N, C-alpha and C. Protein backbone atom coordinates (compact mmCIF):
# COMPACT_ATOMS: atom_id res chain seq x y z
N UNK A 1 0.84 -1.18 -0.01
CA UNK A 1 0.01 0.02 0.01
C UNK A 1 0.88 1.23 -0.01
N UNK A 2 0.59 2.15 -0.86
CA UNK A 2 1.32 3.38 -0.94
C UNK A 2 0.99 4.24 0.26
N UNK A 3 2.00 4.87 0.88
CA UNK A 3 1.79 5.67 2.06
C UNK A 3 1.15 7.01 1.64
N UNK A 4 0.15 7.41 2.35
CA UNK A 4 -0.50 8.71 2.13
C UNK A 4 0.25 9.75 2.92
N UNK A 5 0.62 10.86 2.29
CA UNK A 5 1.35 11.89 2.98
C UNK A 5 0.48 13.11 3.10
N UNK A 6 0.06 13.39 4.33
CA UNK A 6 -0.83 14.53 4.62
C UNK A 6 -0.07 15.73 5.17
N UNK A 7 1.27 15.59 5.25
CA UNK A 7 2.08 16.67 5.87
C UNK A 7 2.81 17.43 4.78
N UNK A 8 2.72 18.74 4.88
CA UNK A 8 3.44 19.58 3.92
C UNK A 8 4.92 19.50 4.16
N UNK A 9 5.70 19.73 3.14
CA UNK A 9 7.15 19.66 3.28
C UNK A 9 7.64 20.61 4.36
N UNK A 10 7.07 21.83 4.44
CA UNK A 10 7.52 22.79 5.46
C UNK A 10 7.29 22.30 6.89
N UNK A 11 6.34 21.37 7.07
CA UNK A 11 6.05 20.85 8.38
C UNK A 11 6.97 19.73 8.82
N UNK A 12 7.84 19.26 7.91
CA UNK A 12 8.76 18.18 8.23
C UNK A 12 9.82 18.69 9.18
N UNK A 13 10.27 17.89 10.17
CA UNK A 13 11.31 18.33 11.09
C UNK A 13 12.62 18.49 10.35
N UNK A 14 13.31 19.60 10.67
CA UNK A 14 14.57 19.87 10.03
C UNK A 14 15.69 19.05 10.67
N UNK A 15 16.78 18.86 9.95
CA UNK A 15 17.89 18.12 10.47
C UNK A 15 18.57 18.96 11.55
N UNK A 16 19.14 18.34 12.55
CA UNK A 16 19.87 19.04 13.58
C UNK A 16 21.28 19.35 13.09
N UNK A 17 22.08 20.01 13.92
CA UNK A 17 23.42 20.40 13.55
C UNK A 17 24.30 19.23 13.11
N UNK A 18 24.07 18.05 13.70
CA UNK A 18 24.89 16.89 13.34
C UNK A 18 24.34 16.20 12.10
N UNK A 19 23.33 16.73 11.47
CA UNK A 19 22.82 16.19 10.21
C UNK A 19 21.77 15.10 10.40
N UNK A 20 21.47 14.74 11.62
CA UNK A 20 20.46 13.68 11.87
C UNK A 20 19.10 14.32 12.16
N UNK A 21 18.07 13.62 11.83
CA UNK A 21 16.72 14.10 12.19
C UNK A 21 16.52 13.97 13.66
N UNK A 22 15.73 14.86 14.26
CA UNK A 22 15.47 14.73 15.71
C UNK A 22 14.69 13.45 16.02
N UNK A 23 14.97 12.89 17.14
CA UNK A 23 14.30 11.63 17.55
C UNK A 23 12.81 11.90 17.76
N UNK A 24 11.98 11.00 17.31
CA UNK A 24 10.53 11.13 17.53
C UNK A 24 10.21 10.74 18.97
N UNK A 25 9.24 11.47 19.52
CA UNK A 25 8.80 11.12 20.86
C UNK A 25 8.10 9.79 20.82
N UNK A 26 8.39 8.93 21.79
CA UNK A 26 7.75 7.62 21.83
C UNK A 26 6.29 7.80 22.20
N UNK A 27 5.45 7.09 21.48
CA UNK A 27 4.02 7.19 21.66
C UNK A 27 3.53 5.84 22.21
N UNK A 28 2.71 5.93 23.23
CA UNK A 28 2.09 4.71 23.74
C UNK A 28 0.97 4.31 22.84
N UNK A 29 1.05 3.11 22.31
CA UNK A 29 -0.02 2.61 21.44
C UNK A 29 -1.11 1.95 22.26
N UNK A 30 -1.72 2.73 23.08
CA UNK A 30 -2.79 2.23 23.93
C UNK A 30 -4.12 2.58 23.31
N UNK A 31 -5.04 1.62 23.26
CA UNK A 31 -6.36 1.96 22.77
C UNK A 31 -7.04 2.98 23.68
N UNK A 32 -7.93 3.72 23.10
CA UNK A 32 -8.69 4.77 23.87
C UNK A 32 -9.41 4.13 25.02
N UNK A 33 -9.31 4.72 26.18
CA UNK A 33 -10.05 4.25 27.33
C UNK A 33 -9.35 3.20 28.17
N UNK A 34 -8.14 2.82 27.83
CA UNK A 34 -7.45 1.81 28.65
C UNK A 34 -6.56 2.53 29.65
N UNK A 35 -6.27 1.83 30.75
CA UNK A 35 -5.43 2.40 31.79
C UNK A 35 -3.98 1.99 31.50
N UNK A 36 -3.07 2.76 32.08
CA UNK A 36 -1.63 2.45 31.87
C UNK A 36 -1.24 1.11 32.47
N UNK A 37 -1.96 0.61 33.47
CA UNK A 37 -1.59 -0.65 34.10
C UNK A 37 -2.32 -1.85 33.47
N UNK A 38 -3.06 -1.65 32.37
CA UNK A 38 -3.75 -2.71 31.69
C UNK A 38 -2.72 -3.57 30.98
N UNK A 39 -2.66 -4.87 31.35
CA UNK A 39 -1.69 -5.75 30.64
C UNK A 39 -2.17 -5.96 29.16
N UNK A 40 -1.22 -5.90 28.27
CA UNK A 40 -1.54 -6.07 26.84
C UNK A 40 -0.81 -7.30 26.30
N UNK A 41 -1.37 -7.88 25.28
CA UNK A 41 -0.75 -9.01 24.59
C UNK A 41 -0.73 -8.65 23.09
N UNK A 42 0.42 -8.81 22.44
CA UNK A 42 0.53 -8.50 21.03
C UNK A 42 -0.15 -9.58 20.20
N UNK A 43 -0.84 -9.16 19.13
CA UNK A 43 -1.49 -10.06 18.22
C UNK A 43 -0.99 -9.69 16.78
N UNK A 44 -0.37 -10.62 16.15
CA UNK A 44 0.08 -10.40 14.76
C UNK A 44 -0.70 -11.36 13.85
N UNK A 45 -1.13 -10.80 12.73
CA UNK A 45 -1.85 -11.63 11.79
C UNK A 45 -1.73 -11.04 10.41
N UNK A 46 -1.98 -11.89 9.41
CA UNK A 46 -1.97 -11.42 8.03
C UNK A 46 -3.40 -11.33 7.55
N UNK A 47 -3.68 -10.19 6.84
CA UNK A 47 -5.01 -9.96 6.25
C UNK A 47 -4.83 -9.57 4.81
N UNK A 48 -5.84 -9.71 4.00
CA UNK A 48 -5.73 -9.29 2.59
C UNK A 48 -5.38 -7.82 2.49
N UNK A 49 -4.57 -7.45 1.49
CA UNK A 49 -4.11 -6.05 1.33
C UNK A 49 -5.29 -5.12 1.17
N UNK A 50 -6.27 -5.52 0.39
CA UNK A 50 -7.43 -4.66 0.17
C UNK A 50 -8.18 -4.33 1.46
N UNK A 51 -8.31 -5.38 2.32
CA UNK A 51 -8.97 -5.16 3.59
C UNK A 51 -8.15 -4.25 4.52
N UNK A 52 -6.83 -4.43 4.49
CA UNK A 52 -5.94 -3.56 5.30
C UNK A 52 -6.07 -2.12 4.84
N UNK A 53 -6.10 -1.91 3.54
CA UNK A 53 -6.22 -0.56 3.03
C UNK A 53 -7.56 0.10 3.46
N UNK A 54 -8.64 -0.66 3.36
CA UNK A 54 -9.95 -0.17 3.79
C UNK A 54 -9.94 0.19 5.30
N UNK A 55 -9.30 -0.67 6.06
CA UNK A 55 -9.23 -0.46 7.52
C UNK A 55 -8.43 0.81 7.82
N UNK A 56 -7.29 0.98 7.19
CA UNK A 56 -6.49 2.18 7.43
C UNK A 56 -7.23 3.46 7.02
N UNK A 57 -7.90 3.41 5.88
CA UNK A 57 -8.64 4.57 5.41
C UNK A 57 -9.78 4.92 6.36
N UNK A 58 -10.46 3.89 6.87
CA UNK A 58 -11.53 4.10 7.83
C UNK A 58 -11.01 4.73 9.12
N UNK A 59 -9.87 4.26 9.57
CA UNK A 59 -9.24 4.80 10.78
C UNK A 59 -8.88 6.26 10.58
N UNK A 60 -8.34 6.61 9.42
CA UNK A 60 -7.99 8.00 9.13
C UNK A 60 -9.25 8.85 9.06
N UNK A 61 -10.28 8.32 8.40
CA UNK A 61 -11.52 9.09 8.27
C UNK A 61 -12.17 9.38 9.64
N UNK A 62 -12.08 8.39 10.55
CA UNK A 62 -12.68 8.56 11.88
C UNK A 62 -11.74 9.11 12.92
N UNK A 63 -10.51 9.48 12.50
CA UNK A 63 -9.48 10.04 13.37
C UNK A 63 -9.25 9.11 14.56
N UNK A 64 -9.08 7.82 14.24
CA UNK A 64 -8.82 6.78 15.27
C UNK A 64 -7.66 5.97 14.79
N UNK A 65 -7.25 5.01 15.59
CA UNK A 65 -6.16 4.10 15.18
C UNK A 65 -6.76 2.81 14.67
N UNK A 66 -5.97 2.08 13.87
CA UNK A 66 -6.41 0.78 13.42
C UNK A 66 -6.63 -0.13 14.62
N UNK A 67 -5.79 0.01 15.64
CA UNK A 67 -5.93 -0.76 16.84
C UNK A 67 -7.30 -0.53 17.49
N UNK A 68 -7.71 0.74 17.56
CA UNK A 68 -9.03 1.06 18.11
C UNK A 68 -10.14 0.35 17.36
N UNK A 69 -10.07 0.42 16.07
CA UNK A 69 -11.13 -0.24 15.24
C UNK A 69 -11.15 -1.76 15.41
N UNK A 70 -10.00 -2.37 15.45
CA UNK A 70 -9.93 -3.84 15.57
C UNK A 70 -10.40 -4.22 16.95
N UNK A 71 -9.99 -3.54 18.00
CA UNK A 71 -10.47 -3.86 19.36
C UNK A 71 -11.96 -3.69 19.49
N UNK A 72 -12.52 -2.64 18.89
CA UNK A 72 -13.97 -2.45 18.92
C UNK A 72 -14.66 -3.63 18.22
N UNK A 73 -14.17 -4.02 17.07
CA UNK A 73 -14.78 -5.13 16.33
C UNK A 73 -14.71 -6.43 17.10
N UNK A 74 -13.56 -6.70 17.74
CA UNK A 74 -13.43 -7.95 18.53
C UNK A 74 -14.39 -7.92 19.70
N UNK A 75 -14.43 -6.77 20.43
CA UNK A 75 -15.34 -6.67 21.57
C UNK A 75 -16.81 -6.82 21.17
N UNK A 76 -17.20 -6.22 20.07
CA UNK A 76 -18.61 -6.36 19.62
C UNK A 76 -18.90 -7.82 19.23
N UNK A 77 -17.97 -8.46 18.56
CA UNK A 77 -18.17 -9.86 18.18
C UNK A 77 -18.30 -10.76 19.42
N UNK A 78 -17.41 -10.60 20.39
CA UNK A 78 -17.47 -11.41 21.58
C UNK A 78 -18.72 -11.13 22.41
N UNK A 79 -19.16 -9.92 22.36
CA UNK A 79 -20.39 -9.54 23.13
C UNK A 79 -21.64 -10.21 22.52
N UNK A 80 -21.65 -10.37 21.20
CA UNK A 80 -22.85 -10.92 20.53
C UNK A 80 -22.80 -12.42 20.33
N UNK A 81 -21.67 -13.05 20.55
CA UNK A 81 -21.57 -14.50 20.30
C UNK A 81 -21.20 -15.25 21.55
């Protein structure tokens, strides 16, 4: 999937005096509404490219993360089955 670039060139971080880009701040990939002490387990899986693209676009459209959407879908499925 081709990366979508929504950032203007002027908004890109400039190189520092040593020529390296500044380090990015580490972001906690926590789903919305979880506490910092909630234990997490990583889940890796392969899905069709077209489905992944739709999922990413939906997340961007809703200003959410893919993780948020997947967790919501899992919770709704488990609640109804």
